Every structure is written in C-alpha cells, then in structure tokens.
All heavy atoms as atom14 arrays in JSON, in Angstrom:
{
  "sequence": "RPQRFTLQKLDLRPLVQETAVLLRNSTDIDASHRIDVVQSAEPVIVD",
  "atom14_mask": [
    [1, 1, 1, 1, 1, 1, 1, 1, 1, 1, 1, 0, 0, 0],
    [1, 1, 1, 1, 1, 1, 1, 0, 0, 0, 0, 0, 0, 0],
    [1, 1, 1, 1, 1, 1, 1, 1, 1, 0, 0, 0, 0, 0],
    [1, 1, 1, 1, 1, 1, 1, 1, 1, 1, 1, 0, 0, 0],
    [1, 1, 1, 1, 1, 1, 1, 1, 1, 1, 1, 0, 0, 0],
    [1, 1, 1, 1, 1, 1, 1, 0, 0, 0, 0, 0, 0, 0],
    [1, 1, 1, 1, 1, 1, 1, 1, 0, 0, 0, 0, 0, 0],
    [1, 1, 1, 1, 1, 1, 1, 1, 1, 0, 0, 0, 0, 0],
    [1, 1, 1, 1, 1, 1, 1, 1, 1, 0, 0, 0, 0, 0],
    [1, 1, 1, 1, 1, 1, 1, 1, 0, 0, 0, 0, 0, 0],
    [1, 1, 1, 1, 1, 1, 1, 1, 0, 0, 0, 0, 0, 0],
    [1, 1, 1, 1, 1, 1, 1, 1, 0, 0, 0, 0, 0, 0],
    [1, 1, 1, 1, 1, 1, 1, 1, 1, 1, 1, 0, 0, 0],
    [1, 1, 1, 1, 1, 1, 1, 0, 0, 0, 0, 0, 0, 0],
    [1, 1, 1, 1, 1, 1, 1, 1, 0, 0, 0, 0, 0, 0],
    [1, 1, 1, 1, 1, 1, 1, 0, 0, 0, 0, 0, 0, 0],
    [1, 1, 1, 1, 1, 1, 1, 1, 1, 0, 0, 0, 0, 0],
    [1, 1, 1, 1, 1, 1, 1, 1, 1, 0, 0, 0, 0, 0],
    [1, 1, 1, 1, 1, 1, 1, 0, 0, 0, 0, 0, 0, 0],
    [1, 1, 1, 1, 1, 0, 0, 0, 0, 0, 0, 0, 0, 0],
    [1, 1, 1, 1, 1, 1, 1, 0, 0, 0, 0, 0, 0, 0],
    [1, 1, 1, 1, 1, 1, 1, 1, 0, 0, 0, 0, 0, 0],
    [1, 1, 1, 1, 1, 1, 1, 1, 0, 0, 0, 0, 0, 0],
    [1, 1, 1, 1, 1, 1, 1, 1, 1, 1, 1, 0, 0, 0],
    [1, 1, 1, 1, 1, 1, 1, 1, 0, 0, 0, 0, 0, 0],
    [1, 1, 1, 1, 1, 1, 0, 0, 0, 0, 0, 0, 0, 0],
    [1, 1, 1, 1, 1, 1, 1, 0, 0, 0, 0, 0, 0, 0],
    [1, 1, 1, 1, 1, 1, 1, 1, 0, 0, 0, 0, 0, 0],
    [1, 1, 1, 1, 1, 1, 1, 1, 0, 0, 0, 0, 0, 0],
    [1, 1, 1, 1, 1, 1, 1, 1, 0, 0, 0, 0, 0, 0],
    [1, 1, 1, 1, 1, 0, 0, 0, 0, 0, 0, 0, 0, 0],
    [1, 1, 1, 1, 1, 1, 0, 0, 0, 0, 0, 0, 0, 0],
    [1, 1, 1, 1, 1, 1, 1, 1, 1, 1, 0, 0, 0, 0],
    [1, 1, 1, 1, 1, 1, 1, 1, 1, 1, 1, 0, 0, 0],
    [1, 1, 1, 1, 1, 1, 1, 1, 0, 0, 0, 0, 0, 0],
    [1, 1, 1, 1, 1, 1, 1, 1, 0, 0, 0, 0, 0, 0],
    [1, 1, 1, 1, 1, 1, 1, 0, 0, 0, 0, 0, 0, 0],
    [1, 1, 1, 1, 1, 1, 1, 0, 0, 0, 0, 0, 0, 0],
    [1, 1, 1, 1, 1, 1, 1, 1, 1, 0, 0, 0, 0, 0],
    [1, 1, 1, 1, 1, 1, 0, 0, 0, 0, 0, 0, 0, 0],
    [1, 1, 1, 1, 1, 0, 0, 0, 0, 0, 0, 0, 0, 0],
    [1, 1, 1, 1, 1, 1, 1, 1, 1, 0, 0, 0, 0, 0],
    [1, 1, 1, 1, 1, 1, 1, 0, 0, 0, 0, 0, 0, 0],
    [1, 1, 1, 1, 1, 1, 1, 0, 0, 0, 0, 0, 0, 0],
    [1, 1, 1, 1, 1, 1, 1, 1, 0, 0, 0, 0, 0, 0],
    [1, 1, 1, 1, 1, 1, 1, 0, 0, 0, 0, 0, 0, 0],
    [1, 1, 1, 1, 1, 1, 1, 1, 0, 0, 0, 0, 0, 0]
  ],
  "atom14_positions": [
    [[101.72, 88.49, 77.5], [100.81, 87.39, 77.92], [99.36, 87.87, 78.09], [99.13, 89.02, 78.48], [101.29, 86.76, 79.22], [101.17, 87.6, 80.45], [101.3, 86.76, 81.71], [102.59, 86.08, 81.77], [103.66, 86.51, 82.47], [103.58, 87.67, 83.13], [104.77, 85.83, 82.44], [0.0, 0.0, 0.0], [0.0, 0.0, 0.0], [0.0, 0.0, 0.0]],
    [[98.38, 87.05, 77.86], [97.01, 87.4, 78.08], [96.79, 87.81, 79.56], [97.32, 87.2, 80.45], [96.25, 86.16, 77.73], [97.14, 85.37, 76.84], [98.54, 85.7, 77.33], [0.0, 0.0, 0.0], [0.0, 0.0, 0.0], [0.0, 0.0, 0.0], [0.0, 0.0, 0.0], [0.0, 0.0, 0.0], [0.0, 0.0, 0.0], [0.0, 0.0, 0.0]],
    [[96.02, 88.85, 79.77], [95.77, 89.33, 81.13], [94.73, 88.45, 81.86], [93.77, 88.03, 81.27], [95.29, 90.79, 81.09], [96.25, 91.72, 80.45], [97.58, 91.82, 81.18], [97.61, 91.92, 82.37], [98.65, 91.75, 80.46], [0.0, 0.0, 0.0], [0.0, 0.0, 0.0], [0.0, 0.0, 0.0], [0.0, 0.0, 0.0], [0.0, 0.0, 0.0]],
    [[94.97, 88.18, 83.11], [94.04, 87.42, 83.94], [93.61, 88.34, 85.07], [94.41, 88.78, 85.9], [94.67, 86.16, 84.5], [95.09, 85.16, 83.43], [95.65, 83.9, 84.03], [96.03, 82.93, 83.01], [96.6, 81.77, 83.29], [96.83, 81.42, 84.52], [96.87, 80.94, 82.3], [0.0, 0.0, 0.0], [0.0, 0.0, 0.0], [0.0, 0.0, 0.0]],
    [[92.32, 88.71, 85.1], [91.82, 89.61, 86.07], [91.31, 88.9, 87.33], [90.78, 87.82, 87.23], [90.66, 90.41, 85.47], [91.0, 91.25, 84.29], [90.05, 91.62, 83.39], [92.28, 91.74, 84.08], [90.32, 92.44, 82.31], [92.59, 92.51, 83.0], [91.61, 92.85, 82.1], [0.0, 0.0, 0.0], [0.0, 0.0, 0.0], [0.0, 0.0, 0.0]],
    [[91.58, 89.51, 88.46], [90.92, 89.12, 89.73], [90.17, 90.38, 90.17], [90.68, 91.2, 90.86], [91.94, 88.7, 90.8], [92.74, 87.61, 90.28], [91.22, 88.23, 92.08], [0.0, 0.0, 0.0], [0.0, 0.0, 0.0], [0.0, 0.0, 0.0], [0.0, 0.0, 0.0], [0.0, 0.0, 0.0], [0.0, 0.0, 0.0], [0.0, 0.0, 0.0]],
    [[88.96, 90.53, 89.64], [88.22, 91.76, 89.83], [87.69, 91.88, 91.26], [87.19, 90.91, 91.83], [87.05, 91.85, 88.84], [87.43, 91.9, 87.37], [86.17, 91.96, 86.54], [88.34, 93.09, 87.08], [0.0, 0.0, 0.0], [0.0, 0.0, 0.0], [0.0, 0.0, 0.0], [0.0, 0.0, 0.0], [0.0, 0.0, 0.0], [0.0, 0.0, 0.0]],
    [[87.79, 93.05, 91.79], [87.2, 93.39, 93.09], [86.93, 94.87, 93.12], [87.47, 95.62, 92.28], [88.16, 93.0, 94.2], [89.53, 93.67, 94.12], [90.47, 93.18, 95.23], [90.18, 93.31, 96.41], [91.62, 92.65, 94.87], [0.0, 0.0, 0.0], [0.0, 0.0, 0.0], [0.0, 0.0, 0.0], [0.0, 0.0, 0.0], [0.0, 0.0, 0.0]],
    [[86.15, 95.3, 94.07], [85.9, 96.72, 94.2], [87.04, 97.37, 94.99], [87.33, 97.0, 96.07], [84.54, 96.95, 94.9], [83.39, 96.59, 93.96], [82.07, 96.95, 94.51], [81.04, 96.88, 93.33], [81.25, 95.78, 92.43], [0.0, 0.0, 0.0], [0.0, 0.0, 0.0], [0.0, 0.0, 0.0], [0.0, 0.0, 0.0], [0.0, 0.0, 0.0]],
    [[87.65, 98.35, 94.35], [88.85, 98.97, 94.89], [88.58, 100.48, 95.04], [88.08, 101.12, 94.14], [90.05, 98.78, 93.96], [90.59, 97.38, 93.72], [91.63, 97.43, 92.63], [91.12, 96.77, 94.98], [0.0, 0.0, 0.0], [0.0, 0.0, 0.0], [0.0, 0.0, 0.0], [0.0, 0.0, 0.0], [0.0, 0.0, 0.0], [0.0, 0.0, 0.0]],
    [[89.04, 101.0, 96.19], [89.1, 102.45, 96.39], [90.5, 102.86, 95.96], [91.52, 102.38, 96.49], [88.85, 102.8, 97.86], [88.8, 104.27, 98.11], [89.12, 105.07, 97.15], [88.47, 104.67, 99.25], [0.0, 0.0, 0.0], [0.0, 0.0, 0.0], [0.0, 0.0, 0.0], [0.0, 0.0, 0.0], [0.0, 0.0, 0.0], [0.0, 0.0, 0.0]],
    [[90.59, 103.73, 94.91], [91.9, 104.07, 94.38], [92.75, 104.91, 95.35], [93.93, 104.97, 95.23], [91.7, 104.87, 93.08], [91.03, 104.13, 91.91], [90.93, 105.04, 90.68], [91.75, 102.86, 91.57], [0.0, 0.0, 0.0], [0.0, 0.0, 0.0], [0.0, 0.0, 0.0], [0.0, 0.0, 0.0], [0.0, 0.0, 0.0], [0.0, 0.0, 0.0]],
    [[92.09, 105.59, 96.28], [92.8, 106.53, 97.14], [93.92, 105.87, 97.97], [95.05, 106.35, 97.97], [91.82, 107.27, 98.03], [90.79, 108.09, 97.3], [89.78, 108.75, 98.25], [89.15, 107.68, 99.04], [88.44, 107.94, 100.16], [88.31, 109.18, 100.61], [87.88, 106.91, 100.86], [0.0, 0.0, 0.0], [0.0, 0.0, 0.0], [0.0, 0.0, 0.0]],
    [[93.65, 104.75, 98.72], [94.75, 104.15, 99.43], [95.85, 103.61, 98.58], [97.02, 103.57, 98.99], [94.08, 103.06, 100.29], [92.79, 102.81, 99.61], [92.39, 104.1, 98.99], [0.0, 0.0, 0.0], [0.0, 0.0, 0.0], [0.0, 0.0, 0.0], [0.0, 0.0, 0.0], [0.0, 0.0, 0.0], [0.0, 0.0, 0.0], [0.0, 0.0, 0.0]],
    [[95.54, 103.17, 97.35], [96.57, 102.66, 96.42], [97.54, 103.8, 96.03], [98.73, 103.55, 95.95], [95.91, 102.02, 95.21], [94.92, 100.88, 95.43], [94.52, 100.24, 94.13], [95.53, 99.82, 96.35], [0.0, 0.0, 0.0], [0.0, 0.0, 0.0], [0.0, 0.0, 0.0], [0.0, 0.0, 0.0], [0.0, 0.0, 0.0], [0.0, 0.0, 0.0]],
    [[96.96, 104.94, 95.77], [97.79, 106.09, 95.43], [98.63, 106.51, 96.65], [99.87, 106.79, 96.52], [96.95, 107.29, 94.97], [97.77, 108.55, 94.91], [96.29, 106.97, 93.61], [0.0, 0.0, 0.0], [0.0, 0.0, 0.0], [0.0, 0.0, 0.0], [0.0, 0.0, 0.0], [0.0, 0.0, 0.0], [0.0, 0.0, 0.0], [0.0, 0.0, 0.0]],
    [[98.04, 106.53, 97.81], [98.8, 106.9, 99.05], [99.92, 105.94, 99.33], [101.06, 106.34, 99.65], [97.82, 106.96, 100.22], [98.44, 107.56, 101.47], [98.78, 109.02, 101.31], [97.94, 109.84, 100.98], [100.02, 109.37, 101.57], [0.0, 0.0, 0.0], [0.0, 0.0, 0.0], [0.0, 0.0, 0.0], [0.0, 0.0, 0.0], [0.0, 0.0, 0.0]],
    [[99.65, 104.65, 99.19], [100.67, 103.63, 99.46], [101.83, 103.73, 98.46], [103.0, 103.57, 98.81], [100.07, 102.26, 99.49], [99.16, 102.02, 100.69], [98.27, 100.8, 100.52], [98.5, 100.02, 99.6], [97.3, 100.67, 101.32], [0.0, 0.0, 0.0], [0.0, 0.0, 0.0], [0.0, 0.0, 0.0], [0.0, 0.0, 0.0], [0.0, 0.0, 0.0]],
    [[101.46, 104.02, 97.19], [102.48, 104.16, 96.15], [103.4, 105.35, 96.51], [104.62, 105.27, 96.33], [101.89, 104.34, 94.77], [101.09, 103.19, 94.49], [102.96, 104.52, 93.72], [0.0, 0.0, 0.0], [0.0, 0.0, 0.0], [0.0, 0.0, 0.0], [0.0, 0.0, 0.0], [0.0, 0.0, 0.0], [0.0, 0.0, 0.0], [0.0, 0.0, 0.0]],
    [[102.81, 106.44, 96.97], [103.6, 107.62, 97.32], [104.56, 107.3, 98.44], [105.74, 107.7, 98.43], [102.65, 108.75, 97.78], [0.0, 0.0, 0.0], [0.0, 0.0, 0.0], [0.0, 0.0, 0.0], [0.0, 0.0, 0.0], [0.0, 0.0, 0.0], [0.0, 0.0, 0.0], [0.0, 0.0, 0.0], [0.0, 0.0, 0.0], [0.0, 0.0, 0.0]],
    [[104.15, 106.5, 99.43], [105.01, 106.12, 100.52], [106.18, 105.29, 100.0], [107.36, 105.49, 100.38], [104.24, 105.33, 101.6], [105.19, 104.74, 102.64], [103.21, 106.23, 102.26], [0.0, 0.0, 0.0], [0.0, 0.0, 0.0], [0.0, 0.0, 0.0], [0.0, 0.0, 0.0], [0.0, 0.0, 0.0], [0.0, 0.0, 0.0], [0.0, 0.0, 0.0]],
    [[105.89, 104.34, 99.14], [106.95, 103.51, 98.56], [107.95, 104.32, 97.75], [109.15, 104.15, 97.86], [106.35, 102.39, 97.66], [105.58, 101.28, 98.4], [104.91, 100.4, 97.38], [106.54, 100.5, 99.28], [0.0, 0.0, 0.0], [0.0, 0.0, 0.0], [0.0, 0.0, 0.0], [0.0, 0.0, 0.0], [0.0, 0.0, 0.0], [0.0, 0.0, 0.0]],
    [[107.42, 105.28, 96.98], [108.29, 106.12, 96.15], [109.21, 106.96, 96.99], [110.41, 107.2, 96.67], [107.46, 106.96, 95.23], [106.83, 106.27, 94.03], [105.81, 107.19, 93.35], [107.9, 105.8, 93.0], [0.0, 0.0, 0.0], [0.0, 0.0, 0.0], [0.0, 0.0, 0.0], [0.0, 0.0, 0.0], [0.0, 0.0, 0.0], [0.0, 0.0, 0.0]],
    [[108.68, 107.49, 98.1], [109.48, 108.37, 98.96], [110.66, 107.62, 99.6], [111.64, 108.24, 100.05], [108.62, 109.01, 100.05], [107.64, 110.0, 99.54], [106.8, 110.58, 100.67], [105.79, 111.55, 100.18], [104.47, 111.4, 100.35], [104.03, 110.35, 101.06], [103.59, 112.25, 99.85], [0.0, 0.0, 0.0], [0.0, 0.0, 0.0], [0.0, 0.0, 0.0]],
    [[110.6, 106.32, 99.6], [111.67, 105.46, 100.15], [112.37, 104.64, 99.12], [113.06, 103.65, 99.43], [111.07, 104.54, 101.23], [110.58, 105.31, 102.45], [111.33, 105.65, 103.31], [109.26, 105.57, 102.48], [0.0, 0.0, 0.0], [0.0, 0.0, 0.0], [0.0, 0.0, 0.0], [0.0, 0.0, 0.0], [0.0, 0.0, 0.0], [0.0, 0.0, 0.0]],
    [[112.23, 105.03, 97.83], [112.83, 104.27, 96.75], [114.11, 104.88, 96.29], [114.42, 106.02, 96.63], [111.84, 104.11, 95.58], [111.78, 105.33, 94.85], [0.0, 0.0, 0.0], [0.0, 0.0, 0.0], [0.0, 0.0, 0.0], [0.0, 0.0, 0.0], [0.0, 0.0, 0.0], [0.0, 0.0, 0.0], [0.0, 0.0, 0.0], [0.0, 0.0, 0.0]],
    [[114.85, 104.17, 95.43], [116.08, 104.7, 94.86], [115.83, 105.67, 93.71], [116.76, 106.3, 93.2], [116.99, 103.53, 94.35], [116.24, 102.79, 93.41], [117.39, 102.64, 95.51], [0.0, 0.0, 0.0], [0.0, 0.0, 0.0], [0.0, 0.0, 0.0], [0.0, 0.0, 0.0], [0.0, 0.0, 0.0], [0.0, 0.0, 0.0], [0.0, 0.0, 0.0]],
    [[114.59, 105.81, 93.29], [114.24, 106.73, 92.2], [114.11, 108.16, 92.66], [113.95, 109.06, 91.82], [112.92, 106.3, 91.5], [113.07, 105.03, 90.7], [113.84, 105.0, 89.75], [112.38, 104.01, 91.01], [0.0, 0.0, 0.0], [0.0, 0.0, 0.0], [0.0, 0.0, 0.0], [0.0, 0.0, 0.0], [0.0, 0.0, 0.0], [0.0, 0.0, 0.0]],
    [[114.18, 108.4, 93.94], [113.92, 109.73, 94.45], [115.17, 110.23, 95.2], [115.92, 109.45, 95.82], [112.69, 109.75, 95.39], [112.19, 111.17, 95.61], [112.99, 109.06, 96.71], [110.84, 111.24, 96.3], [0.0, 0.0, 0.0], [0.0, 0.0, 0.0], [0.0, 0.0, 0.0], [0.0, 0.0, 0.0], [0.0, 0.0, 0.0], [0.0, 0.0, 0.0]],
    [[115.38, 111.57, 95.19], [116.44, 112.13, 96.0], [115.93, 113.41, 96.64], [114.73, 113.72, 96.56], [117.73, 112.37, 95.18], [117.46, 113.33, 94.03], [116.66, 114.28, 94.12], [118.11, 113.13, 92.93], [0.0, 0.0, 0.0], [0.0, 0.0, 0.0], [0.0, 0.0, 0.0], [0.0, 0.0, 0.0], [0.0, 0.0, 0.0], [0.0, 0.0, 0.0]],
    [[116.8, 114.16, 97.29], [116.39, 115.32, 98.08], [115.76, 116.41, 97.22], [115.05, 117.29, 97.74], [117.58, 115.92, 98.86], [0.0, 0.0, 0.0], [0.0, 0.0, 0.0], [0.0, 0.0, 0.0], [0.0, 0.0, 0.0], [0.0, 0.0, 0.0], [0.0, 0.0, 0.0], [0.0, 0.0, 0.0], [0.0, 0.0, 0.0], [0.0, 0.0, 0.0]],
    [[115.99, 116.39, 95.94], [115.45, 117.43, 95.05], [114.03, 117.14, 94.58], [113.39, 117.97, 93.9], [116.34, 117.62, 93.81], [116.33, 116.44, 93.01], [0.0, 0.0, 0.0], [0.0, 0.0, 0.0], [0.0, 0.0, 0.0], [0.0, 0.0, 0.0], [0.0, 0.0, 0.0], [0.0, 0.0, 0.0], [0.0, 0.0, 0.0], [0.0, 0.0, 0.0]],
    [[113.49, 115.97, 94.94], [112.17, 115.59, 94.57], [111.17, 115.74, 95.7], [111.54, 115.56, 96.87], [112.15, 114.14, 94.09], [112.88, 113.87, 92.81], [114.02, 113.09, 92.74], [112.63, 114.33, 91.55], [114.44, 113.04, 91.49], [113.65, 113.8, 90.74], [0.0, 0.0, 0.0], [0.0, 0.0, 0.0], [0.0, 0.0, 0.0], [0.0, 0.0, 0.0]],
    [[109.93, 116.0, 95.36], [108.85, 116.06, 96.3], [107.67, 115.29, 95.72], [107.4, 115.39, 94.51], [108.47, 117.5, 96.59], [107.26, 117.66, 97.53], [106.99, 119.15, 97.8], [105.7, 119.31, 98.47], [105.25, 120.47, 98.9], [105.99, 121.56, 98.78], [104.05, 120.52, 99.47], [0.0, 0.0, 0.0], [0.0, 0.0, 0.0], [0.0, 0.0, 0.0]],
    [[106.93, 114.61, 96.57], [105.74, 113.87, 96.08], [104.54, 114.38, 96.87], [104.48, 114.23, 98.11], [105.89, 112.34, 96.29], [107.1, 111.86, 95.41], [104.6, 111.61, 95.82], [107.39, 110.38, 95.54], [0.0, 0.0, 0.0], [0.0, 0.0, 0.0], [0.0, 0.0, 0.0], [0.0, 0.0, 0.0], [0.0, 0.0, 0.0], [0.0, 0.0, 0.0]],
    [[103.55, 114.89, 96.17], [102.28, 115.33, 96.77], [101.17, 114.42, 96.36], [101.18, 113.85, 95.26], [101.94, 116.75, 96.32], [102.89, 117.83, 96.96], [103.55, 117.48, 97.92], [102.94, 118.95, 96.39], [0.0, 0.0, 0.0], [0.0, 0.0, 0.0], [0.0, 0.0, 0.0], [0.0, 0.0, 0.0], [0.0, 0.0, 0.0], [0.0, 0.0, 0.0]],
    [[100.18, 114.25, 97.24], [99.0, 113.4, 96.94], [97.74, 114.24, 97.1], [97.61, 114.95, 98.07], [98.99, 112.17, 97.88], [97.72, 111.36, 97.65], [100.2, 111.32, 97.69], [0.0, 0.0, 0.0], [0.0, 0.0, 0.0], [0.0, 0.0, 0.0], [0.0, 0.0, 0.0], [0.0, 0.0, 0.0], [0.0, 0.0, 0.0], [0.0, 0.0, 0.0]],
    [[96.84, 114.13, 96.14], [95.55, 114.82, 96.16], [94.47, 113.72, 96.15], [94.53, 112.82, 95.31], [95.37, 115.72, 94.94], [93.97, 116.36, 94.99], [96.44, 116.79, 94.94], [0.0, 0.0, 0.0], [0.0, 0.0, 0.0], [0.0, 0.0, 0.0], [0.0, 0.0, 0.0], [0.0, 0.0, 0.0], [0.0, 0.0, 0.0], [0.0, 0.0, 0.0]],
    [[93.5, 113.8, 97.06], [92.49, 112.78, 97.16], [91.09, 113.39, 97.23], [90.92, 114.47, 97.81], [92.68, 111.94, 98.45], [94.09, 111.36, 98.61], [94.25, 110.09, 97.88], [93.68, 109.85, 96.82], [95.13, 109.16, 98.36], [0.0, 0.0, 0.0], [0.0, 0.0, 0.0], [0.0, 0.0, 0.0], [0.0, 0.0, 0.0], [0.0, 0.0, 0.0]],
    [[90.13, 112.71, 96.64], [88.74, 113.09, 96.84], [88.35, 112.76, 98.28], [88.93, 111.84, 98.92], [87.81, 112.31, 95.9], [87.88, 112.81, 94.58], [0.0, 0.0, 0.0], [0.0, 0.0, 0.0], [0.0, 0.0, 0.0], [0.0, 0.0, 0.0], [0.0, 0.0, 0.0], [0.0, 0.0, 0.0], [0.0, 0.0, 0.0], [0.0, 0.0, 0.0]],
    [[87.35, 113.5, 98.8], [86.9, 113.2, 100.15], [86.14, 111.89, 100.17], [86.19, 111.16, 101.16], [86.01, 114.34, 100.61], [0.0, 0.0, 0.0], [0.0, 0.0, 0.0], [0.0, 0.0, 0.0], [0.0, 0.0, 0.0], [0.0, 0.0, 0.0], [0.0, 0.0, 0.0], [0.0, 0.0, 0.0], [0.0, 0.0, 0.0], [0.0, 0.0, 0.0]],
    [[85.4, 111.59, 99.08], [84.63, 110.33, 99.04], [85.47, 109.23, 98.32], [86.41, 109.53, 97.6], [83.31, 110.56, 98.3], [83.44, 110.81, 96.78], [83.82, 112.22, 96.42], [84.03, 113.07, 97.34], [83.89, 112.53, 95.21], [0.0, 0.0, 0.0], [0.0, 0.0, 0.0], [0.0, 0.0, 0.0], [0.0, 0.0, 0.0], [0.0, 0.0, 0.0]],
    [[85.1, 107.98, 98.55], [85.82, 106.87, 97.91], [85.76, 106.99, 96.38], [84.83, 107.54, 95.79], [85.06, 105.61, 98.37], [84.39, 106.02, 99.67], [84.06, 107.47, 99.49], [0.0, 0.0, 0.0], [0.0, 0.0, 0.0], [0.0, 0.0, 0.0], [0.0, 0.0, 0.0], [0.0, 0.0, 0.0], [0.0, 0.0, 0.0], [0.0, 0.0, 0.0]],
    [[86.84, 106.48, 95.71], [86.9, 106.46, 94.26], [86.95, 104.96, 93.88], [88.02, 104.37, 93.87], [88.14, 107.21, 93.77], [88.16, 107.23, 92.2], [88.16, 108.63, 94.29], [0.0, 0.0, 0.0], [0.0, 0.0, 0.0], [0.0, 0.0, 0.0], [0.0, 0.0, 0.0], [0.0, 0.0, 0.0], [0.0, 0.0, 0.0], [0.0, 0.0, 0.0]],
    [[85.77, 104.37, 93.66], [85.63, 102.95, 93.53], [85.62, 102.49, 92.11], [84.84, 103.02, 91.26], [84.37, 102.43, 94.25], [84.32, 102.94, 95.69], [84.31, 100.92, 94.23], [85.43, 102.4, 96.59], [0.0, 0.0, 0.0], [0.0, 0.0, 0.0], [0.0, 0.0, 0.0], [0.0, 0.0, 0.0], [0.0, 0.0, 0.0], [0.0, 0.0, 0.0]],
    [[86.39, 101.48, 91.76], [86.41, 100.82, 90.46], [86.39, 99.32, 90.63], [86.79, 98.8, 91.65], [87.61, 101.24, 89.58], [87.63, 102.75, 89.35], [88.93, 100.83, 90.29], [0.0, 0.0, 0.0], [0.0, 0.0, 0.0], [0.0, 0.0, 0.0], [0.0, 0.0, 0.0], [0.0, 0.0, 0.0], [0.0, 0.0, 0.0], [0.0, 0.0, 0.0]],
    [[85.92, 98.62, 89.59], [86.04, 97.16, 89.5], [87.33, 96.84, 88.78], [87.41, 97.1, 87.56], [84.83, 96.57, 88.77], [83.56, 96.62, 89.58], [83.62, 96.32, 90.79], [82.5, 97.02, 89.02], [0.0, 0.0, 0.0], [0.0, 0.0, 0.0], [0.0, 0.0, 0.0], [0.0, 0.0, 0.0], [0.0, 0.0, 0.0], [0.0, 0.0, 0.0]]
  ]
}
C-alpha cells in the first residue's frame, strides 16, 4: 500500500532503547541472547 507519513521530529535514541526493552521481554529471545544499546550523547534527530 502507498505509505502515508505523519512527519515529526524524532530522537532515534529513545526508540532504540524502547525496542531493546520490548525485545528483552519477547518470545524471540532466550537466556543465550544478550541485547546491548549504544547511544550518542547528543540527540539524533530526524524528520
């Protein structure tokens, strides 16, 4: 389907962090997996 954008200024860092939290509690992960997150000190902003 054609994409419909709702553009806004987003800092990518919290989106990555929140995804990591969800993954750590998902059925796709088990005790043999580890998830690390690396972030810039400054915001990473995109439209």
